Amino acid sequence: MAGVLVAGRRSAGALVLTLVASVLTVVNSTAAEAYPGADDIAAAQAAAEDQAATVSQLDAAIAQLEGAAQEANIAALSAAEDYNVAQEANITAQRDLFSANARADEADEALDEATSALAAVALADYRNGGDLASLEAIMTADGFDEVITRTESLDRASSQVESALQQVKAAELVSETMRAAAEDAADTASAAEQEASDSLDTAQAAQSNANAAVDSAAAVQTEAIAKLAELNNTTVALEQERQDGLAAERAAAEAAAAQKAAEEQAAADAAAEAAAAKEAEDAAAAKKAAEAAAAKKAAEEAAAAEKESSKSSSSSGSSSSGSSSSGSSSSDKSSSSGSSSSGSSSSGSSSSGSSSSDDDDDSSSSGSSSSGSSSSSGSSSSGSSSSGSSSSSSGSSNSGSSSSSGSSSSGSSSSGSSSSSSWKSTASQGQSAATYAISLTGATYAYAGSGPAYDCSGLTQAAWGSVGYYIPHSSRLQYSYTTHVSFSQLRVGDLIFWGTGKNASAIYHVAIYIGNGKVMEASSPGHLAGTRVYNNWAVSDIMPYAGRV
């Protein structure tokens, strides 16, 4: 057994050496560097030609071919997206140039009008008795600068001429500024146009390389399958079926891994949302508790202050009542009356005492105790007790009620607030956009195409444009333009993106979701627009979030 393992290792080592050595003989070095995946295709070719290659090694080589062709296609799509970005910048630059030229032309016209107005004012000034030199200085001047120079040198220029001169100066400044801006815009537009042209050349070259990679991979795969049919003692057709089955298994495994990753991402998103909600809930509860504690403290302080005030008033009132009682023959009656009056005054306000002191006759007949009642808010123990208790109780009750009401209001406001969604479209509009996209089935592919031929972002732009929403003509720009939603919230009309390494800056493809796990897309040159299951291609590059308009 050990001898078999050693022999196997030697055989594998020999195969590796054969693969490396064969790369240069099967694909020349220039071609190998020409496009992504060329090295993998060369290695697979070497494996197919190696007489010592095993079934598993050839199976692996065929799988490698699939990856190489896909890598070349992705490189072509990335180059096409680079062209889209450059073309968007070019279009923006050309629009800016048009606007800058229009503003410069307007400024020139304004300068002409200001200069004509200056001449007219100078003529009118001359007709009204002005100096002929003023008119000649302006009319014979050669250019705007000389007009200004000559006019400024005239000592007898009228105020109207001076005003017209200032308008010419301002118009000339605006004209120079606008013309300079137009020249800058022209430079920017020229550079953007060249960049777009270069990007298109690069994209077309990348697509040619991708086509070459696909053709080479197909040829090598045919050779490898024939070799496998020999080794397995079967027909090429049956071996092709076996390879198709293996390819389907690889796709299913990749899709399952992507699905698992999406579920984990959705779970992480849900956990983050739940944590944020809990944090907000705890913050609201803490705020409510703090408000309740503050209200309670305020109520206690108010009650203590009221009690202290009542004690102070009671002491003062008792002293006054004692003095009055010694001078009155009907002290008991007065005391009783005072107590009653005090109780009334206490539960109402100190104004009761004030009214008693204002009426000397009533004060005398009811007893001096009544006067004491006014100053003490209840001099008798009964009145005082009633006053203190009632006031404190009333204050506490009101304060507590106010606290409860405030706290409740705060809680209601906190729980009632919710953040609105940041996307603009409705579900029905998403459905309409998807329906329009499907209507474009069979459209040909064109770089930066926006109809009747389309590229990927041109098709999604047209779909959403059909329901009144603008999105940029670039998959990368569309990703940054839309609101990101997790795949657990995916709805018809959302956009699904592909980017190398799930990197937003390396996005190279976009498609519109139409439901049931499918997308509508314009895929690549040579292919017509159509639908497919979204997770059956380049699954590892699917961006973790979809985009909602």
Protein backbone atom coordinates (compact mmCIF):
# COMPACT_ATOMS: atom_id res chain seq x y z
CA MET A 1 0.00 0.00 0.00
CA ALA A 2 2.84 2.36 0.90
CA GLY A 3 4.45 1.61 -2.47
CA VAL A 4 1.20 2.51 -4.23
CA LEU A 5 1.01 5.83 -2.35
CA VAL A 6 4.61 6.67 -3.22
CA ALA A 7 3.99 5.77 -6.84
CA GLY A 8 0.84 7.88 -6.78
CA ARG A 9 2.74 10.86 -5.39
CA ARG A 10 5.41 10.44 -8.09
CA SER A 11 2.70 10.22 -10.74
CA ALA A 12 1.02 13.39 -9.41
CA GLY A 13 4.36 15.17 -9.28
CA ALA A 14 5.12 14.11 -12.82
CA LEU A 15 1.69 15.35 -13.91
CA VAL A 16 2.32 18.75 -12.35
CA LEU A 17 5.65 19.01 -14.14
CA THR A 18 3.96 17.97 -17.37
CA LEU A 19 1.23 20.58 -16.92
CA VAL A 20 3.73 23.36 -16.28
CA ALA A 21 5.93 22.32 -19.18
CA SER A 22 2.99 21.99 -21.53
CA VAL A 23 1.63 25.50 -20.91
CA LEU A 24 4.27 27.09 -23.12
CA THR A 25 3.85 24.52 -25.88
CA VAL A 26 0.04 24.65 -26.03
CA VAL A 27 -0.48 28.41 -25.58
CA ASN A 28 2.31 30.82 -26.35
CA SER A 29 3.35 33.26 -23.65
CA THR A 30 1.71 36.24 -25.36
CA ALA A 31 -1.66 34.49 -25.58
CA ALA A 32 -1.35 33.20 -22.03
CA GLU A 33 -1.05 36.75 -20.77
CA ALA A 34 -3.69 38.10 -23.16
CA TYR A 35 -6.73 37.38 -21.04
CA PRO A 36 -7.76 36.03 -17.63
CA GLY A 37 -8.15 32.25 -17.61
CA ALA A 38 -5.62 31.56 -20.37
CA ASP A 39 -3.24 29.82 -17.96
CA ASP A 40 -6.02 27.56 -16.66
CA ILE A 41 -7.00 26.60 -20.19
CA ALA A 42 -3.39 25.78 -21.05
CA ALA A 43 -3.08 23.64 -17.93
CA ALA A 44 -6.29 21.80 -18.77
CA GLN A 45 -5.02 21.23 -22.30
CA ALA A 46 -1.84 19.72 -20.89
CA ALA A 47 -3.87 17.43 -18.63
CA ALA A 48 -6.00 16.26 -21.54
CA GLU A 49 -2.89 15.39 -23.54
CA ASP A 50 -1.13 13.68 -20.64
CA GLN A 51 -1.37 9.93 -21.11
CA ALA A 52 -0.98 9.41 -17.36
CA ALA A 53 -3.90 11.66 -16.45
CA THR A 54 -6.57 10.01 -14.32
CA VAL A 55 -10.36 10.41 -14.51
CA SER A 56 -10.43 12.65 -11.43
CA GLN A 57 -7.65 14.81 -12.83
CA LEU A 58 -9.46 15.25 -16.12
CA ASP A 59 -12.72 16.01 -14.29
CA ALA A 60 -10.89 18.69 -12.37
CA ALA A 61 -9.41 20.05 -15.60
CA ILE A 62 -12.87 20.37 -17.15
CA ALA A 63 -14.14 22.19 -14.06
CA GLN A 64 -11.10 24.43 -14.35
CA LEU A 65 -12.08 25.21 -17.92
CA GLU A 66 -15.51 26.41 -16.80
CA GLY A 67 -13.87 28.73 -14.31
CA ALA A 68 -11.42 30.04 -16.89
CA ALA A 69 -14.15 30.88 -19.40
CA GLN A 70 -16.20 32.58 -16.69
CA GLU A 71 -13.17 34.57 -15.52
CA ALA A 72 -12.58 35.84 -19.05
CA ASN A 73 -16.26 36.78 -19.44
CA ILE A 74 -16.25 38.66 -16.13
CA ALA A 75 -13.16 40.56 -17.20
CA ALA A 76 -14.99 41.57 -20.38
CA LEU A 77 -18.04 42.69 -18.41
CA SER A 78 -15.85 44.69 -16.04
CA ALA A 79 -14.25 46.44 -19.00
CA ALA A 80 -17.69 47.16 -20.43
CA GLU A 81 -18.75 48.65 -17.10
CA ASP A 82 -15.61 50.81 -17.08
CA TYR A 83 -16.78 52.09 -20.46
CA ASN A 84 -20.25 52.79 -19.05
CA VAL A 85 -18.79 54.85 -16.22
CA ALA A 86 -16.52 56.72 -18.65
CA GLN A 87 -19.41 57.31 -21.04
CA GLU A 88 -21.61 58.66 -18.23
CA ALA A 89 -18.81 61.07 -17.33
CA ASN A 90 -18.44 61.98 -20.99
CA ILE A 91 -22.15 62.73 -21.37
CA THR A 92 -22.09 64.87 -18.23
CA ALA A 93 -19.01 66.73 -19.49
CA GLN A 94 -20.61 67.39 -22.89
CA ARG A 95 -23.74 68.74 -21.20
CA ASP A 96 -21.62 70.96 -18.98
CA LEU A 97 -19.78 72.23 -22.06
CA PHE A 98 -23.05 73.06 -23.81
CA SER A 99 -24.31 74.95 -20.74
CA ALA A 100 -20.97 76.76 -20.31
CA ASN A 101 -20.98 77.88 -23.93
CA ALA A 102 -24.55 79.08 -23.62
CA ARG A 103 -23.69 81.11 -20.51
CA ALA A 104 -20.61 82.56 -22.24
CA ASP A 105 -22.68 83.57 -25.26
CA GLU A 106 -25.23 85.25 -23.01
CA ALA A 107 -22.45 87.12 -21.22
CA ASP A 108 -21.00 88.29 -24.55
CA GLU A 109 -24.41 89.56 -25.62
CA ALA A 110 -24.80 91.38 -22.31
CA LEU A 111 -21.39 93.00 -22.84
CA ASP A 112 -22.38 94.16 -26.34
CA GLU A 113 -25.59 95.63 -24.94
CA ALA A 114 -23.74 97.40 -22.13
CA THR A 115 -21.23 98.87 -24.59
CA SER A 116 -24.00 100.09 -26.88
CA ALA A 117 -25.76 101.60 -23.89
CA LEU A 118 -22.56 103.45 -22.93
CA ALA A 119 -22.28 104.92 -26.43
CA ALA A 120 -25.93 105.97 -26.34
CA VAL A 121 -25.50 107.66 -22.98
CA ALA A 122 -22.40 109.50 -24.22
CA LEU A 123 -24.29 110.73 -27.29
CA ALA A 124 -27.18 111.91 -25.17
CA ASP A 125 -24.75 113.66 -22.84
CA TYR A 126 -23.21 115.50 -25.80
CA ARG A 127 -26.60 116.56 -27.12
CA ASN A 128 -27.42 117.97 -23.72
CA GLY A 129 -24.38 120.21 -23.79
CA GLY A 130 -21.66 117.79 -22.96
CA ASP A 131 -18.13 117.84 -24.26
CA LEU A 132 -17.54 116.51 -27.80
CA ALA A 133 -14.34 114.90 -26.57
CA SER A 134 -16.42 112.53 -24.41
CA LEU A 135 -18.36 111.29 -27.40
CA GLU A 136 -15.31 110.99 -29.65
CA ALA A 137 -13.40 109.10 -26.96
CA ILE A 138 -16.04 106.39 -26.84
CA MET A 139 -17.07 106.21 -30.50
CA THR A 140 -13.52 106.02 -31.87
CA ALA A 141 -12.17 103.60 -29.27
CA ASP A 142 -10.76 100.30 -30.54
CA GLY A 143 -12.08 97.57 -28.24
CA PHE A 144 -13.70 97.41 -24.80
CA ASP A 145 -10.53 98.11 -22.85
CA GLU A 146 -9.86 101.33 -24.79
CA VAL A 147 -13.48 102.44 -24.32
CA ILE A 148 -13.07 102.09 -20.57
CA THR A 149 -9.65 103.77 -20.54
CA ARG A 150 -10.76 106.77 -22.59
CA THR A 151 -14.00 107.21 -20.67
CA GLU A 152 -12.24 107.14 -17.31
CA SER A 153 -9.80 109.82 -18.50
CA LEU A 154 -12.57 112.33 -19.16
CA ASP A 155 -12.85 114.78 -16.30
CA ARG A 156 -16.23 116.04 -17.36
CA ALA A 157 -18.00 112.67 -17.75
CA SER A 158 -21.56 112.83 -16.50
CA SER A 159 -23.01 110.58 -13.79
CA GLN A 160 -24.99 108.71 -16.45
CA VAL A 161 -21.86 108.00 -18.41
CA GLU A 162 -20.15 106.83 -15.24
CA SER A 163 -23.04 104.47 -14.48
CA ALA A 164 -22.99 103.06 -18.01
CA LEU A 165 -19.24 102.61 -17.74
CA GLN A 166 -19.59 100.57 -14.56
CA GLN A 167 -22.13 98.34 -16.29
CA VAL A 168 -19.68 97.74 -19.13
CA LYS A 169 -16.97 96.80 -16.63
CA ALA A 170 -19.25 94.36 -14.85
CA ALA A 171 -20.43 92.81 -18.13
CA GLU A 172 -16.85 92.42 -19.33
CA LEU A 173 -15.84 90.68 -16.11
CA VAL A 174 -18.77 88.27 -16.37
CA SER A 175 -18.00 87.62 -20.04
CA GLU A 176 -14.35 86.83 -19.32
CA THR A 177 -15.31 84.52 -16.43
CA MET A 178 -17.94 82.65 -18.46
CA ARG A 179 -15.63 82.28 -21.43
CA ALA A 180 -12.85 80.89 -19.22
CA ALA A 181 -15.33 78.44 -17.68
CA ALA A 182 -16.40 77.38 -21.17
CA GLU A 183 -12.79 76.74 -22.16
CA ASP A 184 -12.24 74.64 -19.03
CA ALA A 185 -15.42 72.71 -19.77
CA ALA A 186 -14.21 72.10 -23.32
CA ASP A 187 -10.94 70.64 -21.99
CA THR A 188 -12.81 68.42 -19.54
CA ALA A 189 -15.22 67.26 -22.23
CA SER A 190 -12.40 66.44 -24.61
CA ALA A 191 -10.58 64.40 -21.95
CA ALA A 192 -13.81 62.61 -21.00
CA GLU A 193 -14.55 61.79 -24.62
CA GLN A 194 -11.06 60.35 -25.08
CA GLU A 195 -11.39 58.33 -21.88
CA ALA A 196 -14.70 56.90 -23.06
CA SER A 197 -13.20 56.02 -26.43
CA ASP A 198 -10.21 54.30 -24.82
CA SER A 199 -12.52 52.42 -22.44
CA LEU A 200 -14.62 51.21 -25.35
CA ASP A 201 -11.52 49.92 -27.14
CA THR A 202 -10.48 48.12 -23.96
CA ALA A 203 -13.94 46.61 -23.51
CA GLN A 204 -14.06 45.35 -27.08
CA ALA A 205 -10.59 43.84 -26.77
CA ALA A 206 -11.59 42.17 -23.49
CA GLN A 207 -14.67 40.72 -25.15
CA SER A 208 -12.56 39.35 -28.01
CA ASN A 209 -10.31 37.72 -25.44
CA ALA A 210 -13.31 36.31 -23.63
CA ASN A 211 -14.63 34.82 -26.86
CA ALA A 212 -11.20 33.29 -27.52
CA ALA A 213 -11.15 31.87 -24.00
CA VAL A 214 -14.59 30.31 -24.41
CA ASP A 215 -13.64 28.78 -27.78
CA SER A 216 -10.35 27.43 -26.42
CA ALA A 217 -12.06 26.04 -23.33
CA ALA A 218 -14.68 24.31 -25.47
CA ALA A 219 -12.02 22.72 -27.67
CA VAL A 220 -10.00 21.50 -24.70
CA GLN A 221 -13.15 20.22 -23.00
CA THR A 222 -14.03 18.19 -26.10
CA GLU A 223 -10.58 16.64 -26.07
CA ALA A 224 -10.76 15.94 -22.32
CA ILE A 225 -14.19 14.32 -22.59
CA ALA A 226 -12.96 12.08 -25.40
CA LYS A 227 -10.05 11.00 -23.21
CA LEU A 228 -12.43 10.37 -20.29
CA ALA A 229 -14.72 8.27 -22.48
CA GLU A 230 -11.70 6.14 -23.26
CA LEU A 231 -10.70 5.77 -19.63
CA ASN A 232 -14.25 5.00 -18.51
CA ASN A 233 -14.84 2.66 -21.42
CA THR A 234 -17.99 4.51 -22.50
CA THR A 235 -19.22 6.75 -25.30
CA VAL A 236 -18.50 10.46 -25.66
CA ALA A 237 -22.24 11.21 -25.40
CA LEU A 238 -22.55 9.38 -22.09
CA GLU A 239 -19.40 11.03 -20.79
CA GLN A 240 -20.83 14.41 -21.78
CA GLU A 241 -23.95 13.60 -19.79
CA ARG A 242 -21.78 12.69 -16.81
CA GLN A 243 -19.91 16.00 -17.11
CA ASP A 244 -23.19 17.89 -17.35
CA GLY A 245 -24.26 16.19 -14.14
CA LEU A 246 -21.01 17.12 -12.41
CA ALA A 247 -21.39 20.70 -13.59
CA ALA A 248 -24.94 20.79 -12.21
CA GLU A 249 -23.69 19.46 -8.88
CA ARG A 250 -21.01 22.15 -8.74
CA ALA A 251 -23.58 24.82 -9.54
CA ALA A 252 -25.95 23.48 -6.90
CA ALA A 253 -23.20 23.42 -4.29
CA GLU A 254 -22.21 26.97 -5.17
CA ALA A 255 -25.86 28.09 -5.03
CA ALA A 256 -26.34 26.37 -1.68
CA ALA A 257 -23.27 28.10 -0.31
CA ALA A 258 -24.57 31.42 -1.60
CA GLN A 259 -27.98 30.75 -0.08
CA LYS A 260 -26.40 29.92 3.24
CA ALA A 261 -24.33 33.08 3.11
CA ALA A 262 -27.47 35.08 2.27
CA GLU A 263 -29.34 33.52 5.18
CA GLU A 264 -26.47 34.25 7.53
CA GLN A 265 -26.38 37.82 6.28
CA ALA A 266 -30.15 38.13 6.77
CA ALA A 267 -29.85 36.72 10.28
CA ALA A 268 -27.06 39.16 11.07
CA ASP A 269 -29.15 42.03 9.70
CA ALA A 270 -32.16 40.91 11.75
CA ALA A 271 -30.03 40.64 14.88
CA ALA A 272 -28.60 44.11 14.28
CA GLU A 273 -32.10 45.54 13.78
CA ALA A 274 -33.35 43.80 16.93
CA ALA A 275 -30.38 45.10 18.92
CA ALA A 276 -31.03 48.62 17.63
CA ALA A 277 -34.72 48.34 18.53
CA LYS A 278 -33.86 47.04 22.01
CA GLU A 279 -31.39 49.86 22.51
CA ALA A 280 -34.03 52.39 21.48
CA GLU A 281 -36.58 50.75 23.77
CA ASP A 282 -34.16 50.78 26.71
CA ALA A 283 -33.33 54.42 26.04
CA ALA A 284 -37.03 55.31 25.98
CA ALA A 285 -37.64 53.39 29.22
CA ALA A 286 -34.67 55.09 30.88
CA LYS A 287 -35.95 58.48 29.76
CA LYS A 288 -39.41 57.69 31.04
CA ALA A 289 -38.02 56.55 34.40
CA ALA A 290 -35.87 59.66 34.66
CA GLU A 291 -38.86 61.90 33.92
CA ALA A 292 -40.97 60.06 36.49
CA ALA A 293 -38.21 60.37 39.10
CA ALA A 294 -37.82 64.06 38.34
CA ALA A 295 -41.57 64.59 38.60
CA LYS A 296 -41.71 62.70 41.89
CA LYS A 297 -38.84 64.71 43.31
CA ALA A 298 -40.50 67.95 42.19
CA ALA A 299 -43.76 66.89 43.85
CA GLU A 300 -41.99 65.98 47.09
CA GLU A 301 -40.13 69.29 47.10
CA ALA A 302 -43.38 71.17 46.47
CA ALA A 303 -45.12 69.28 49.28
CA ALA A 304 -42.24 69.95 51.67
CA ALA A 305 -42.25 73.62 50.79
CA GLU A 306 -46.01 73.81 51.30
CA LYS A 307 -45.73 72.07 54.63
CA GLU A 308 -42.95 74.36 55.75
CA SER A 309 -44.98 77.40 54.68
CA SER A 310 -48.03 76.07 56.54
CA LYS A 311 -46.05 75.56 59.74
CA SER A 312 -44.62 79.05 59.55
CA SER A 313 -48.04 80.58 58.93
CA SER A 314 -49.63 78.52 61.73
CA SER A 315 -47.08 79.73 64.24
CA SER A 316 -47.63 83.35 63.28
CA GLY A 317 -51.40 82.96 63.30
CA SER A 318 -51.55 81.31 66.72
CA SER A 319 -49.62 84.15 68.28
CA SER A 320 -51.96 86.70 66.78
CA SER A 321 -55.03 84.72 67.81
CA GLY A 322 -53.86 84.46 71.44
CA SER A 323 -53.40 88.20 71.65
CA SER A 324 -56.80 88.87 70.19
CA SER A 325 -58.51 86.36 72.45
CA SER A 326 -57.40 88.15 75.63
CA GLY A 327 -59.08 91.32 74.46
CA SER A 328 -62.37 89.75 73.47
CA SER A 329 -65.22 88.58 75.67
CA SER A 330 -66.49 86.11 73.12
CA SER A 331 -63.17 84.35 72.47
CA ASP A 332 -64.65 80.87 72.17
CA LYS A 333 -67.20 82.00 69.68
CA SER A 334 -64.61 84.08 67.86
CA SER A 335 -62.20 81.19 67.93
CA SER A 336 -64.81 78.91 66.54
CA SER A 337 -65.72 81.46 63.91
CA GLY A 338 -62.04 82.07 63.22
CA SER A 339 -61.46 78.39 62.89
CA SER A 340 -64.26 78.10 60.45
CA SER A 341 -63.14 81.17 58.55
CA SER A 342 -59.57 79.92 58.65
CA GLY A 343 -60.56 76.57 57.23
CA SER A 344 -62.41 78.31 54.49
CA SER A 345 -59.52 80.66 53.87
CA SER A 346 -57.07 77.77 53.93
CA SER A 347 -58.82 75.67 51.37
CA GLY A 348 -59.37 78.66 49.14
CA SER A 349 -56.55 81.16 49.40
CA SER A 350 -55.05 83.78 51.65
CA SER A 351 -57.44 86.32 50.15
CA SER A 352 -60.02 85.27 52.74
CA GLY A 353 -57.77 86.64 55.47
CA SER A 354 -57.21 89.78 53.50
CA SER A 355 -60.90 90.47 53.13
CA SER A 356 -61.39 90.06 56.89
CA SER A 357 -58.72 92.55 57.71
CA ASP A 358 -60.22 95.02 55.25
CA ASP A 359 -63.53 95.07 57.16
CA ASP A 360 -62.93 96.19 60.79
CA ASP A 361 -66.58 95.71 61.82
CA ASP A 362 -66.72 92.16 60.57
CA SER A 363 -63.40 91.47 62.16
CA SER A 364 -64.63 92.75 65.50
CA SER A 365 -67.96 90.96 65.47
CA SER A 366 -66.59 87.66 64.29
CA GLY A 367 -63.70 87.81 66.67
CA SER A 368 -60.08 88.77 66.38
CA SER A 369 -59.52 85.16 65.59
CA SER A 370 -60.79 85.98 62.12
CA SER A 371 -57.98 88.48 61.69
CA GLY A 372 -55.59 85.80 62.89
CA SER A 373 -57.12 83.50 60.35
CA SER A 374 -56.27 85.93 57.57
CA SER A 375 -52.61 86.12 58.52
CA SER A 376 -52.17 82.50 59.45
CA SER A 377 -54.40 80.81 56.89
CA GLY A 378 -56.08 79.03 59.74
CA SER A 379 -54.93 79.80 63.29
CA SER A 380 -56.92 77.08 65.03
CA SER A 381 -55.43 73.62 65.03
CA SER A 382 -58.36 72.33 63.10
CA GLY A 383 -58.02 74.94 60.37
CA SER A 384 -54.28 74.61 60.26
CA SER A 385 -54.44 70.86 60.00
CA SER A 386 -57.03 71.07 57.31
CA SER A 387 -55.03 73.67 55.42
CA GLY A 388 -51.76 71.77 55.56
CA SER A 389 -53.25 68.43 54.74
CA SER A 390 -55.46 69.69 51.99
CA SER A 391 -52.79 71.83 50.39
CA SER A 392 -50.16 69.14 50.57
CA SER A 393 -52.49 66.49 49.32
CA SER A 394 -53.73 68.70 46.54
CA GLY A 395 -50.22 69.69 45.53
CA SER A 396 -49.00 66.13 45.60
CA SER A 397 -51.96 64.92 43.63
CA ASN A 398 -51.64 67.59 40.98
CA SER A 399 -47.91 67.13 40.71
CA GLY A 400 -48.27 63.39 40.46
CA SER A 401 -50.96 63.75 37.86
CA SER A 402 -48.81 66.13 35.88
CA SER A 403 -45.85 63.76 36.16
CA SER A 404 -47.90 60.81 35.07
CA SER A 405 -49.31 62.72 32.15
CA GLY A 406 -45.88 63.94 31.04
CA SER A 407 -44.35 60.53 31.37
CA SER A 408 -47.15 58.92 29.43
CA SER A 409 -46.86 61.49 26.70
CA SER A 410 -43.13 60.91 26.44
CA GLY A 411 -43.56 57.16 26.21
CA SER A 412 -46.24 57.47 23.60
CA SER A 413 -44.09 59.74 21.46
CA SER A 414 -41.12 57.38 21.69
CA SER A 415 -43.03 54.26 20.82
CA GLY A 416 -44.98 55.94 18.07
CA SER A 417 -41.98 57.23 16.15
CA SER A 418 -40.62 55.09 13.32
CA SER A 419 -38.17 55.72 10.51
CA SER A 420 -39.69 55.80 7.04
CA SER A 421 -38.20 53.73 4.22
CA SER A 422 -35.57 55.49 2.16
CA TRP A 423 -36.66 54.07 -1.20
CA LYS A 424 -39.18 55.91 -3.35
CA SER A 425 -40.95 53.28 -5.43
CA THR A 426 -43.94 51.12 -4.55
CA ALA A 427 -44.28 47.37 -4.96
CA SER A 428 -46.71 47.85 -7.85
CA GLN A 429 -44.23 50.12 -9.62
CA GLY A 430 -41.55 47.46 -9.15
CA GLN A 431 -43.89 44.93 -10.73
CA SER A 432 -44.51 47.27 -13.67
CA ALA A 433 -40.78 47.87 -14.13
CA ALA A 434 -40.16 44.11 -14.18
CA THR A 435 -42.98 43.59 -16.67
CA TYR A 436 -41.49 46.20 -18.99
CA ALA A 437 -38.07 44.57 -18.67
CA ILE A 438 -39.53 41.20 -19.68
CA SER A 439 -41.05 42.86 -22.74
CA LEU A 440 -37.48 43.52 -23.93
CA THR A 441 -36.75 39.79 -24.21
CA GLY A 442 -34.77 39.12 -27.38
CA ALA A 443 -33.15 42.56 -27.56
CA THR A 444 -29.59 42.53 -28.84
CA TYR A 445 -26.63 43.60 -26.71
CA ALA A 446 -24.77 46.86 -27.32
CA TYR A 447 -22.09 48.62 -25.31
CA ALA A 448 -23.76 51.46 -23.37
CA GLY A 449 -26.97 50.58 -25.22
CA SER A 450 -30.20 52.12 -24.00
CA GLY A 451 -32.54 50.95 -26.74
CA PRO A 452 -33.41 49.24 -28.97
CA ALA A 453 -30.19 47.37 -28.14
CA TYR A 454 -29.15 47.29 -24.49
CA ASP A 455 -26.37 46.51 -22.10
CA CYS A 456 -27.14 45.34 -18.55
CA SER A 457 -27.56 48.74 -16.87
CA GLY A 458 -29.23 50.19 -19.97
CA LEU A 459 -31.98 47.58 -19.67
CA THR A 460 -32.56 48.19 -15.95
CA GLN A 461 -32.50 51.95 -16.56
CA ALA A 462 -35.14 51.57 -19.29
CA ALA A 463 -37.26 49.32 -17.06
CA TRP A 464 -37.41 51.84 -14.22
CA GLY A 465 -37.67 54.74 -16.64
CA SER A 466 -40.91 53.19 -17.91
CA VAL A 467 -42.52 53.93 -14.52
CA GLY A 468 -41.06 57.40 -14.15
CA TYR A 469 -37.87 56.80 -12.18
CA TYR A 470 -34.40 57.79 -13.35
CA ILE A 471 -31.38 55.68 -12.47
CA PRO A 472 -27.86 56.17 -13.94
CA HIS A 473 -26.63 54.13 -16.89
CA SER A 474 -24.01 52.18 -14.93
CA SER A 475 -24.33 49.14 -12.68
CA ARG A 476 -21.84 50.60 -10.19
CA LEU A 477 -23.67 53.92 -10.09
CA GLN A 478 -27.02 52.14 -9.80
CA TYR A 479 -25.76 50.24 -6.76
CA SER A 480 -24.81 53.48 -5.02
CA TYR A 481 -27.99 55.21 -6.23
CA THR A 482 -30.47 52.66 -4.87
CA THR A 483 -31.44 51.72 -1.31
CA HIS A 484 -29.83 48.46 -0.19
CA VAL A 485 -32.15 45.73 1.07
CA SER A 486 -31.36 42.20 2.23
CA PHE A 487 -32.34 39.25 0.05
CA SER A 488 -34.85 38.21 2.69
CA GLN A 489 -36.78 41.38 1.74
CA LEU A 490 -36.32 40.95 -2.02
CA ARG A 491 -39.33 42.02 -4.08
CA VAL A 492 -40.09 42.16 -7.79
CA GLY A 493 -38.38 45.10 -9.45
CA ASP A 494 -35.35 45.14 -7.14
CA LEU A 495 -31.92 45.12 -8.77
CA ILE A 496 -29.37 42.35 -8.18
CA PHE A 497 -25.68 43.14 -8.67
CA TRP A 498 -22.49 41.18 -9.30
CA GLY A 499 -19.06 42.46 -8.30
CA THR A 500 -15.64 40.85 -8.14
CA GLY A 501 -15.09 39.77 -4.53
CA LYS A 502 -18.47 41.34 -3.64
CA ASN A 503 -16.73 44.70 -3.94
CA ALA A 504 -18.96 47.68 -4.76
CA SER A 505 -16.19 49.42 -6.68
CA ALA A 506 -15.72 46.29 -8.82
CA ILE A 507 -19.37 45.72 -9.79
CA TYR A 508 -19.64 44.54 -13.38
CA HIS A 509 -23.26 43.38 -13.88
CA VAL A 510 -26.83 44.17 -12.86
CA ALA A 511 -30.18 42.49 -13.53
CA ILE A 512 -33.78 43.15 -12.47
CA TYR A 513 -35.57 40.64 -10.26
CA ILE A 514 -38.84 39.36 -11.76
CA GLY A 515 -39.87 36.86 -9.07
CA ASN A 516 -39.55 33.11 -8.46
CA GLY A 517 -35.77 33.35 -8.16
CA LYS A 518 -35.35 34.74 -11.69
CA VAL A 519 -33.94 37.91 -13.21
CA MET A 520 -34.29 39.65 -16.55
CA GLU A 521 -31.01 40.84 -18.03
CA ALA A 522 -28.92 41.90 -20.99
CA SER A 523 -25.97 39.64 -20.35
CA SER A 524 -23.12 40.11 -22.83
CA PRO A 525 -22.25 40.67 -26.51
CA GLY A 526 -23.55 37.91 -28.73
CA HIS A 527 -26.37 37.02 -26.35
CA LEU A 528 -29.96 38.23 -26.50
CA ALA A 529 -31.69 39.73 -23.47
CA GLY A 530 -33.60 37.12 -21.49
CA THR A 531 -34.42 35.58 -18.13
CA ARG A 532 -32.56 33.09 -15.95
CA VAL A 533 -32.27 31.91 -12.37
CA TYR A 534 -30.20 34.60 -10.70
CA ASN A 535 -27.99 32.31 -8.61
CA ASN A 536 -26.80 29.97 -11.34
CA TRP A 537 -23.87 32.10 -12.50
CA ALA A 538 -20.95 33.81 -10.71
CA VAL A 539 -22.70 33.15 -7.42
CA SER A 540 -19.66 34.06 -5.34
CA ASP A 541 -19.76 37.57 -6.83
CA ILE A 542 -23.41 38.35 -6.04
CA MET A 543 -23.45 41.48 -3.90
CA PRO A 544 -24.84 40.89 -0.38
CA TYR A 545 -27.65 43.40 -0.87
CA ALA A 546 -30.14 44.11 -3.63
CA GLY A 547 -30.93 47.65 -4.73
CA ARG A 548 -34.41 49.18 -4.45
CA VAL A 549 -35.30 52.30 -6.41
